[in-house]
Protein backbone atom coordinates (compact mmCIF):
# COMPACT_ATOMS: atom_id res chain seq x y z
CA UNK A 1 91.17 40.32 -18.09
CA UNK A 2 89.25 42.21 -20.77
CA UNK A 3 86.28 40.04 -21.74
CA UNK A 4 85.73 42.14 -24.87
CA UNK A 5 88.65 40.27 -26.39
CA UNK A 6 86.74 37.00 -26.21
CA UNK A 7 84.91 36.37 -29.52
CA UNK A 8 81.38 35.07 -29.81
CA UNK A 9 82.74 31.80 -31.12
CA UNK A 10 86.09 30.37 -30.08
CA UNK A 11 87.45 28.05 -32.74
CA UNK A 12 90.48 25.86 -32.36
CA UNK A 13 92.49 25.24 -35.50
CA UNK A 14 92.57 21.88 -37.24
CA UNK A 15 96.06 21.37 -35.85
CA UNK A 16 94.69 21.80 -32.30
CA UNK A 17 92.32 18.85 -32.63
CA UNK A 18 93.08 16.44 -29.75
CA UNK A 19 95.41 13.60 -30.74
CA UNK A 20 94.35 11.32 -27.87
CA UNK A 21 91.21 10.56 -25.88
CA UNK A 22 91.43 11.03 -22.11
CA UNK A 23 90.52 8.11 -19.82
CA UNK A 24 89.09 9.71 -16.67
CA UNK A 25 89.22 6.43 -14.76
CA UNK A 26 93.02 6.55 -14.72
CA UNK A 27 92.92 9.45 -12.23
CA UNK A 28 90.27 7.91 -9.96
CA UNK A 29 91.62 6.46 -6.71
CA UNK A 30 88.37 4.56 -6.20
CA UNK A 31 87.71 2.94 -9.59
CA UNK A 32 84.22 2.18 -10.90
CA UNK A 33 83.08 -1.33 -10.09
CA UNK A 34 83.70 -3.93 -12.83
CA UNK A 35 81.05 -5.42 -15.10
CA UNK A 36 79.87 -8.75 -13.72
CA UNK A 37 78.80 -11.95 -15.43
CA UNK A 38 75.08 -12.23 -14.57
CA UNK A 39 75.36 -16.00 -14.03
CA UNK A 40 78.51 -16.17 -11.91
CA UNK A 41 78.66 -12.61 -10.50
CA UNK A 42 82.37 -12.60 -11.33
CA UNK A 43 84.07 -9.77 -13.29
CA UNK A 44 83.54 -10.13 -17.03
CA UNK A 45 86.65 -11.18 -18.95
CA UNK A 46 87.56 -9.92 -22.39
CA UNK A 47 86.89 -13.43 -23.73
CA UNK A 48 83.33 -13.37 -22.37
CA UNK A 49 82.67 -9.92 -23.83
CA UNK A 50 84.14 -10.79 -27.24
CA UNK A 51 80.97 -12.50 -28.42
CA UNK A 52 79.12 -9.19 -28.21
CA UNK A 53 81.68 -6.34 -28.50
CA UNK A 54 84.59 -5.48 -30.81
CA UNK A 55 87.97 -6.57 -29.48
CA UNK A 56 89.69 -3.17 -29.26
CA UNK A 57 86.60 -1.61 -27.73
CA UNK A 58 86.66 -4.29 -25.04
CA UNK A 59 90.26 -3.35 -24.26
CA UNK A 60 89.22 0.29 -23.86
CA UNK A 61 86.23 -0.71 -21.73
CA UNK A 62 88.27 -2.74 -19.25
CA UNK A 63 91.31 -0.43 -19.00
CA UNK A 64 91.07 1.88 -15.99
CA UNK A 65 94.78 2.73 -15.70
CA UNK A 66 95.89 4.08 -19.11
CA UNK A 67 95.31 7.86 -19.06
CA UNK A 68 95.38 8.49 -22.83
CA UNK A 69 94.47 6.49 -25.93
CA UNK A 70 95.81 7.72 -29.24
CA UNK A 71 93.09 8.65 -31.73
CA UNK A 72 93.78 6.71 -34.98
CA UNK A 73 94.56 8.87 -37.99
CA UNK A 74 91.48 7.67 -39.93
CA UNK A 75 89.22 8.80 -37.08
CA UNK A 76 91.01 12.14 -36.75
CA UNK A 77 90.61 12.72 -40.48
CA UNK A 78 86.87 12.07 -40.17
CA UNK A 79 86.69 14.36 -37.13
CA UNK A 80 88.19 17.17 -39.23
CA UNK A 81 84.98 17.31 -41.28
CA UNK A 82 83.16 18.83 -38.29
CA UNK A 83 85.69 19.25 -35.51
CA UNK A 84 86.97 21.13 -33.62
CA UNK A 85 83.45 22.33 -32.77
CA UNK A 86 82.88 25.90 -31.58
CA UNK A 87 82.77 27.08 -27.98
CA UNK A 88 80.25 29.92 -27.98
CA UNK A 89 80.16 32.86 -25.59
CA UNK A 90 76.43 33.47 -25.00
CA UNK A 91 76.63 37.29 -24.97
CA UNK A 92 73.02 37.68 -26.10
CA UNK A 93 71.72 35.36 -23.39
CA UNK A 94 73.80 37.13 -20.74
CA UNK A 95 72.40 40.49 -21.80
CA UNK A 96 68.80 39.25 -21.85
CA UNK A 97 69.15 37.74 -18.39
CA UNK A 98 70.91 40.88 -17.14
CA UNK A 99 73.32 38.65 -15.26
CA UNK A 100 76.94 39.21 -14.24
CA UNK A 101 77.56 35.54 -15.07
CA UNK A 102 79.68 34.63 -18.08
CA UNK A 103 78.00 31.86 -20.07
CA UNK A 104 79.64 29.56 -22.60
CA UNK A 105 78.29 26.54 -24.45
CA UNK A 106 80.05 23.85 -26.44
CA UNK A 107 77.99 23.29 -29.59
CA UNK A 108 78.02 19.73 -30.91
CA UNK A 109 75.22 20.08 -33.48
CA UNK A 110 77.28 21.12 -36.48
CA UNK A 111 77.20 17.76 -38.27
CA UNK A 112 74.47 15.91 -40.16
CA UNK A 113 73.67 13.62 -37.24
CA UNK A 114 72.84 16.78 -35.29
CA UNK A 115 74.57 15.71 -32.09
CA UNK A 116 77.73 14.69 -30.25
CA UNK A 117 77.02 11.02 -30.90
CA UNK A 118 79.11 10.95 -34.06
CA UNK A 119 82.29 11.30 -31.97
CA UNK A 120 81.92 7.73 -30.70
CA UNK A 121 80.00 6.28 -33.65
CA UNK A 122 82.89 6.80 -36.06
CA UNK A 123 85.33 5.30 -33.54
CA UNK A 124 83.22 2.20 -32.97
CA UNK A 125 82.60 1.71 -36.69
CA UNK A 126 86.34 2.08 -37.33
CA UNK A 127 87.22 -0.68 -34.86
CA UNK A 128 84.48 -2.94 -36.27
CA UNK A 129 85.83 -2.46 -39.78
CA UNK A 130 89.41 -3.03 -38.58
CA UNK A 131 88.28 -6.33 -37.05
CA UNK A 132 86.86 -7.41 -40.40
CA UNK A 133 83.21 -7.50 -39.34
CA UNK A 134 80.24 -7.39 -41.72
CA UNK A 135 78.18 -5.04 -39.63
CA UNK A 136 76.90 -3.91 -36.25
CA UNK A 137 73.64 -3.78 -34.33
CA UNK A 138 72.52 -1.10 -31.92
CA UNK A 139 69.61 0.59 -30.19
CA UNK A 140 68.55 4.22 -30.31
CA UNK A 141 66.15 6.26 -28.21
CA UNK A 142 65.50 9.71 -29.60
CA UNK A 143 67.43 8.76 -32.72
CA UNK A 144 70.66 10.75 -32.51
CA UNK A 145 72.81 7.70 -31.88
CA UNK A 146 71.17 5.63 -34.62
CA UNK A 147 71.62 8.51 -37.04
CA UNK A 148 75.28 8.94 -36.13
CA UNK A 149 76.04 5.22 -36.35
CA UNK A 150 74.32 4.90 -39.73
CA UNK A 151 76.56 7.70 -41.03
CA UNK A 152 79.69 6.07 -39.62
CA UNK A 153 78.79 2.65 -41.01
CA UNK A 154 78.12 4.14 -44.45
CA UNK A 155 81.57 5.74 -44.34
CA UNK A 156 83.28 2.41 -43.61
CA UNK A 157 80.94 0.21 -45.70
CA UNK A 158 79.40 -1.69 -42.78
CA UNK A 159 75.86 -3.01 -42.44
CA UNK A 160 73.91 -1.26 -39.66
CA UNK A 161 70.87 -2.68 -37.87
CA UNK A 162 69.07 -0.26 -35.54
CA UNK A 163 66.37 -1.06 -32.98
CA UNK A 164 64.59 2.22 -32.26
CA UNK A 165 62.43 2.75 -29.16
CA UNK A 166 58.87 2.38 -30.46
CA UNK A 167 57.47 5.72 -29.31
CA UNK A 168 60.43 7.55 -30.87
CA UNK A 169 60.10 5.50 -34.07
CA UNK A 170 56.52 6.72 -34.35
CA UNK A 171 57.10 10.32 -33.23
CA UNK A 172 60.26 10.94 -35.28
CA UNK A 173 59.80 9.56 -38.80
CA UNK A 174 62.32 11.99 -40.27
CA UNK A 175 65.07 10.86 -37.93
CA UNK A 176 64.24 7.30 -38.97
CA UNK A 177 64.46 8.24 -42.64
CA UNK A 178 67.88 9.84 -42.21
CA UNK A 179 69.11 6.49 -40.87
CA UNK A 180 67.62 4.69 -43.85
CA UNK A 181 69.15 7.25 -46.21
CA UNK A 182 72.56 6.23 -44.86
CA UNK A 183 71.72 2.57 -45.44
CA UNK A 184 70.62 1.39 -41.99
CA UNK A 185 67.63 -0.84 -41.36
CA UNK A 186 65.41 0.48 -38.56
CA UNK A 187 63.00 -1.62 -36.48
CA UNK A 188 60.61 -0.31 -33.80
CA UNK A 189 61.37 -1.93 -30.44
CA UNK A 190 60.16 -4.10 -28.87
CA UNK A 191 59.58 -6.15 -32.02
CA UNK A 192 58.66 -9.65 -33.09
CA UNK A 193 62.08 -10.10 -34.71
CA UNK A 194 63.79 -11.37 -31.57
CA UNK A 195 62.99 -13.80 -28.81
CA UNK A 196 63.45 -11.14 -26.14
CA UNK A 197 61.25 -8.70 -28.09
CA UNK A 198 58.44 -11.24 -28.30
CA UNK A 199 58.77 -11.94 -24.58
CA UNK A 200 58.59 -8.24 -23.68
CA UNK A 201 55.54 -7.74 -25.90
CA UNK A 202 53.83 -10.74 -24.28
CA UNK A 203 54.48 -9.35 -20.80
CA UNK A 204 53.76 -5.71 -21.71
CA UNK A 205 51.33 -5.66 -24.66
CA UNK A 206 51.13 -2.23 -26.30
CA UNK A 207 54.28 -0.97 -24.58
CA UNK A 208 55.91 2.14 -26.01
CA UNK A 209 59.33 0.58 -25.43
CA UNK A 210 62.50 1.69 -23.68
CA UNK A 211 66.23 1.80 -24.30
CA UNK A 212 66.56 -1.28 -22.12
CA UNK A 213 64.19 -3.19 -24.43
CA UNK A 214 66.00 -2.04 -27.57
CA UNK A 215 69.41 -2.94 -26.12
CA UNK A 216 68.22 -6.48 -25.43
CA UNK A 217 67.04 -6.91 -29.01
CA UNK A 218 70.21 -5.47 -30.51
CA UNK A 219 72.44 -7.70 -28.35
CA UNK A 220 70.44 -10.80 -29.23
CA UNK A 221 70.59 -9.98 -32.95
CA UNK A 222 74.36 -9.45 -32.83
CA UNK A 223 74.92 -12.66 -30.86
CA UNK A 224 73.06 -14.80 -33.39
CA UNK A 225 74.46 -13.10 -36.54
CA UNK A 226 77.85 -14.24 -37.82
CA UNK A 227 80.26 -11.35 -38.43
CA UNK A 228 78.28 -8.84 -36.36
CA UNK A 229 78.90 -7.14 -33.03
CA UNK A 230 76.83 -4.88 -30.82
CA UNK A 231 77.78 -1.22 -30.28
CA UNK A 232 76.33 1.22 -27.76
CA UNK A 233 76.00 5.01 -27.90
CA UNK A 234 76.20 5.80 -24.19
CA UNK A 235 76.56 4.24 -20.71
CA UNK A 236 79.77 2.27 -21.43
CA UNK A 237 83.16 3.65 -20.40
CA UNK A 238 84.53 3.25 -23.93
CA UNK A 239 81.91 5.78 -25.09
CA UNK A 240 82.92 8.28 -22.41
CA UNK A 241 86.50 7.83 -23.57
CA UNK A 242 85.63 8.79 -27.16
CA UNK A 243 83.44 11.68 -26.03
CA UNK A 244 86.29 13.17 -24.01
CA UNK A 245 87.18 15.02 -27.22
CA UNK A 246 84.37 17.44 -26.26
CA UNK A 247 85.87 18.36 -22.91
CA UNK A 248 89.44 18.43 -24.22
CA UNK A 249 88.45 20.94 -26.91
CA UNK A 250 86.40 22.97 -24.42
CA UNK A 251 89.29 23.24 -21.98
CA UNK A 252 91.77 24.13 -24.74
CA UNK A 253 89.47 26.90 -26.01
CA UNK A 254 88.97 28.35 -22.52
CA UNK A 255 92.70 28.13 -21.75
CA UNK A 256 93.41 30.23 -24.86
CA UNK A 257 91.74 33.17 -23.15
CA UNK A 258 92.66 32.37 -19.57
CA UNK A 259 89.08 31.48 -18.63
CA UNK A 260 88.43 29.09 -15.73
CA UNK A 261 84.84 27.88 -15.35
CA UNK A 262 83.13 27.82 -11.98
CA UNK A 263 80.18 25.64 -13.00
CA UNK A 264 80.04 22.92 -15.68
CA UNK A 265 76.59 21.59 -16.64
CA UNK A 266 75.51 18.70 -18.83
CA UNK A 267 72.33 16.77 -19.48
CA UNK A 268 72.40 13.17 -18.29
CA UNK A 269 70.75 10.09 -19.78
CA UNK A 270 73.31 7.32 -19.93
CA UNK A 271 76.21 9.72 -19.44
CA UNK A 272 77.99 10.03 -22.80
CA UNK A 273 77.95 13.79 -23.36
CA UNK A 274 78.13 14.65 -19.66
CA UNK A 275 81.15 12.43 -19.13
CA UNK A 276 82.80 13.73 -22.26
CA UNK A 277 82.34 17.38 -21.35
CA UNK A 278 83.53 17.18 -17.76
CA UNK A 279 86.33 14.62 -18.26
CA UNK A 280 89.44 16.86 -18.29
CA UNK A 281 87.97 19.18 -15.66
CA UNK A 282 87.11 16.27 -13.38
CA UNK A 283 90.64 14.96 -13.98
CA UNK A 284 92.05 18.22 -12.63
CA UNK A 285 89.71 17.99 -9.66
CA UNK A 286 90.77 14.42 -8.91
CA UNK A 287 94.45 15.35 -9.14
CA UNK A 288 93.94 18.34 -6.81
CA UNK A 289 94.92 20.86 -9.49
CA UNK A 290 91.64 22.79 -9.62
CA UNK A 291 88.10 22.69 -8.34
CA UNK A 292 84.84 22.99 -10.21
CA UNK A 293 81.16 22.59 -9.48
CA UNK A 294 79.72 20.03 -11.90
CA UNK A 295 75.99 19.43 -12.36
CA UNK A 296 74.23 16.54 -14.10
CA UNK A 297 70.69 17.40 -15.24
CA UNK A 298 68.21 14.61 -15.86
CA UNK A 299 64.47 14.44 -16.62
CA UNK A 300 62.11 14.10 -13.68
CA UNK A 301 60.37 11.33 -15.63
CA UNK A 302 63.55 9.19 -15.68
CA UNK A 303 65.56 10.28 -12.60
CA UNK A 304 68.35 7.69 -12.38
CA UNK A 305 70.76 9.81 -10.30
CA UNK A 306 68.34 11.71 -8.10
CA UNK A 307 65.91 8.89 -7.28
CA UNK A 308 67.76 5.76 -8.29
CA UNK A 309 69.74 3.38 -6.12
CA UNK A 310 73.47 2.64 -6.38
CA UNK A 311 73.55 -1.07 -7.05
CA UNK A 312 74.40 -3.75 -9.58
CA UNK A 313 71.73 -4.04 -12.24
CA UNK A 314 71.23 -5.40 -15.72
CA UNK A 315 72.11 -3.02 -18.53
CA UNK A 316 69.02 -4.13 -20.45
CA UNK A 317 65.37 -4.99 -19.88
CA UNK A 318 65.73 -8.51 -21.27
CA UNK A 319 68.39 -9.26 -18.65
CA UNK A 320 70.88 -10.77 -21.08
CA UNK A 321 73.64 -8.17 -20.73
CA UNK A 322 76.33 -7.92 -18.03
CA UNK A 323 75.59 -6.41 -14.64
CA UNK A 324 76.86 -2.89 -14.05
CA UNK A 325 77.10 -1.09 -10.72
CA UNK A 326 75.35 2.20 -11.33
CA UNK A 327 72.61 4.50 -10.17
CA UNK A 328 69.56 2.72 -11.52
CA UNK A 329 65.78 2.78 -11.46
CA UNK A 330 65.62 -0.92 -12.32
CA UNK A 331 66.21 -2.53 -15.70
CA UNK A 332 62.50 -3.06 -16.36
CA UNK A 333 61.70 0.63 -15.83
CA UNK A 334 59.93 2.04 -18.91
CA UNK A 335 59.62 5.84 -19.12
CA UNK A 336 56.23 7.36 -19.80
CA UNK A 337 55.38 7.62 -23.51
CA UNK A 338 54.76 11.37 -23.08
CA UNK A 339 58.44 11.88 -22.27
CA UNK A 340 59.95 13.86 -25.17
CA UNK A 341 63.49 13.43 -26.43
CA UNK A 342 66.17 11.06 -25.19
CA UNK A 343 67.60 10.68 -21.67
CA UNK A 344 65.40 7.60 -21.32
CA UNK A 345 67.88 5.06 -19.93
CA UNK A 346 67.10 3.40 -16.60
CA UNK A 347 70.67 3.68 -15.31
CA UNK A 348 73.82 5.77 -15.48
CA UNK A 349 77.40 5.15 -16.57
CA UNK A 350 79.44 3.36 -13.88
CA UNK A 351 82.23 5.96 -13.79
CA UNK A 352 79.82 8.86 -13.35
CA UNK A 353 77.87 6.84 -10.81
CA UNK A 354 81.01 6.30 -8.73
CA UNK A 355 81.93 10.01 -8.96
CA UNK A 356 78.41 10.97 -7.89
CA UNK A 357 78.55 8.46 -5.05
CA UNK A 358 81.78 10.11 -3.86
CA UNK A 359 80.13 13.54 -3.91
CA UNK A 360 82.32 14.87 -6.71
CA UNK A 361 79.36 15.45 -9.01
CA UNK A 362 75.94 17.00 -8.32
CA UNK A 363 72.65 15.99 -9.93
CA UNK A 364 69.24 17.57 -10.32
CA UNK A 365 66.06 16.61 -12.17
CA UNK A 366 63.70 18.93 -14.06
CA UNK A 367 60.24 18.62 -15.57
CA UNK A 368 59.90 18.66 -19.32
CA UNK A 369 57.52 21.64 -19.60
CA UNK A 370 60.15 23.72 -17.79
CA UNK A 371 62.78 22.34 -20.14
CA UNK A 372 60.83 23.34 -23.24
CA UNK A 373 60.18 26.81 -21.84
CA UNK A 374 63.94 27.26 -21.55
CA UNK A 375 64.51 25.70 -24.98
CA UNK A 376 62.17 28.21 -26.62
CA UNK A 377 63.69 31.09 -24.65
CA UNK A 378 67.20 30.06 -25.71
CA UNK A 379 66.19 29.60 -29.37
CA UNK A 380 64.70 33.10 -29.56
CA UNK A 381 67.81 34.69 -28.05
CA UNK A 382 70.79 32.64 -29.25
CA UNK A 383 69.33 31.58 -32.59
CA UNK A 384 69.86 27.81 -32.23
CA UNK A 385 66.92 25.42 -31.91
CA UNK A 386 68.23 23.06 -29.21
CA UNK A 387 67.56 19.36 -28.82
CA UNK A 388 65.27 18.50 -25.89
CA UNK A 389 68.16 16.66 -24.24
CA UNK A 390 70.47 19.69 -24.37
CA UNK A 391 67.65 21.90 -23.11
CA UNK A 392 67.87 20.24 -19.70
CA UNK A 393 71.35 21.73 -19.35
CA UNK A 394 70.16 25.05 -20.78
CA UNK A 395 67.41 25.25 -18.15
CA UNK A 396 69.78 24.79 -15.23
CA UNK A 397 72.40 27.10 -16.77
CA UNK A 398 69.77 29.84 -17.00
CA UNK A 399 68.76 29.24 -13.39
CA UNK A 400 72.37 29.44 -12.23
CA UNK A 401 72.83 32.69 -14.17
CA UNK A 402 69.72 34.11 -12.50
CA UNK A 403 71.18 33.22 -9.10
CA UNK A 404 74.29 35.21 -10.04
CA UNK A 405 72.08 38.20 -10.75
CA UNK A 406 70.52 37.86 -7.29
CA UNK A 407 73.87 37.55 -5.51
CA UNK A 408 75.98 39.74 -7.78
CA UNK A 409 78.53 36.94 -8.25
CA UNK A 410 80.41 36.90 -11.56
CA UNK A 411 80.59 33.17 -12.06
CA UNK A 412 81.60 31.52 -15.31
CA UNK A 413 79.15 28.86 -16.50
CA UNK A 414 79.88 26.27 -19.19
CA UNK A 415 77.25 23.88 -20.50
CA UNK A 416 77.01 21.32 -23.27
CA UNK A 417 74.71 22.02 -26.20
CA UNK A 418 74.73 18.47 -27.46
CA UNK A 419 72.70 18.96 -30.61
CA UNK A 420 69.88 20.55 -32.55
CA UNK A 421 66.15 19.92 -32.23
CA UNK A 422 65.01 20.02 -35.85
CA UNK A 423 63.85 16.38 -35.72
CA UNK A 424 62.00 17.00 -32.47
CA UNK A 425 59.27 19.26 -33.79
CA UNK A 426 56.46 16.93 -32.71
CA UNK A 427 57.55 17.55 -29.13
CA UNK A 428 57.80 21.29 -29.73
CA UNK A 429 54.33 21.17 -31.31
CA UNK A 430 52.88 19.47 -28.22
CA UNK A 431 54.51 22.10 -26.04
CA UNK A 432 53.15 24.99 -28.13
CA UNK A 433 49.68 23.46 -28.28
CA UNK A 434 49.57 22.97 -24.51
CA UNK A 435 49.39 19.20 -24.85
CA UNK A 436 52.69 18.45 -23.15
CA UNK A 437 52.38 17.15 -19.62
CA UNK A 438 54.81 16.43 -16.79
CA UNK A 439 54.90 12.84 -15.67
CA UNK A 440 56.89 12.01 -12.54
CA UNK A 441 56.99 8.39 -11.33
CA UNK A 442 55.71 7.82 -7.82
CA UNK A 443 57.80 6.43 -4.98
CA UNK A 444 55.64 3.31 -5.08
CA UNK A 445 56.35 2.74 -8.78
CA UNK A 446 60.08 3.14 -8.31
CA UNK A 447 60.08 0.87 -5.27
CA UNK A 448 58.46 -1.85 -7.38
CA UNK A 449 61.12 -1.57 -10.08
CA UNK A 450 63.89 -1.58 -7.46
CA UNK A 451 62.49 -4.76 -5.93
CA UNK A 452 63.47 -6.60 -9.11
CA UNK A 453 67.18 -5.74 -8.86
CA UNK A 454 69.49 -8.78 -8.98
CA UNK A 455 70.90 -9.99 -5.69
CA UNK A 456 74.66 -9.47 -5.77
CA UNK A 457 76.87 -10.10 -2.72
């Protein structure tokens, strides 16, 4: 076909906004392992989960057979403020790289939260409001999820309590202030507000915190507060369900021009944007309708896929949450404080973990100085300042495009640009000043964390 007919930005119309989320698990022959009760090691029931999560979100979490869930009209109306988001043909990047590859990126940064996180935040806030709750608690790492949830809660008139990983709280005051502008309270984690926070601080004085720590605090706060529930921005299957709107739009935009991707790339922390982007493409792969190469890119400082172990583990550092079978570094793993951006979670979503275990998904890890080199390169060429998280995918996409130049192959590459990096300028400053370093945990360190995994038969 004539690629000149493909515009720089492919926009779907408002009427082409997906009407249902796609549940990838429905097409998996080997389903992801169930969440287990940490005391009994039996699958968690909806009744057991109801003390922590919203009822309808529990139903979505436990359902691995229903292929599509209708998106409620109120959520679709909210989506229309910033969705459908553009699929961009990176003509300038292709020219600069002098590559025969065709490069596309799905840009999720065109909303005030600056990331894809709003896709699930508004859904979770909607279900909390529908249930008649007063408010919700949550954790946030780099701050995108906390920002998105504070916006969603403001929209529905819900109270929002955010526990923000301490090093991010200190490094990203502007992200914190956006949350407060939307009415959320923000506490650096671990804190003295909760029993689990005090315990973590006693065992690890001066710790910079982790998502696992913040999750523990948020769950405890929700459990002891009447009319509150806990919501999570990644890792859970309900979040991947909501984020499937990314992949559904991407596929619809590509189909408009008869484009079939060869390689699909996403950054990987807990799995929300990666799972959302690849969902409909992986569905085709599982059904035998098409084949794609899919790559998860994670930081070398928190390498859950590439150096983790596939086992049941706690979802949080305080060990009060259910057990999930996933690729994990160990629930008490705390990333180095010099790690910039998100992608700090010790484990990976159970669905993506199962797909990776089956060999249907690749994974690679990259060092953060390399990531920021690619982020700066991309910003100067494509004109968007990318979030550090997204820049992991950018780095690998550039490398794959360079390989195409070497081999002469005209592959089509699609990657997720999950958000903007305007609240990450402290990290960019460290990179420009030569103060950014690459920390990679040793085998001995990881072995120690793995030794603490729960024993599950």
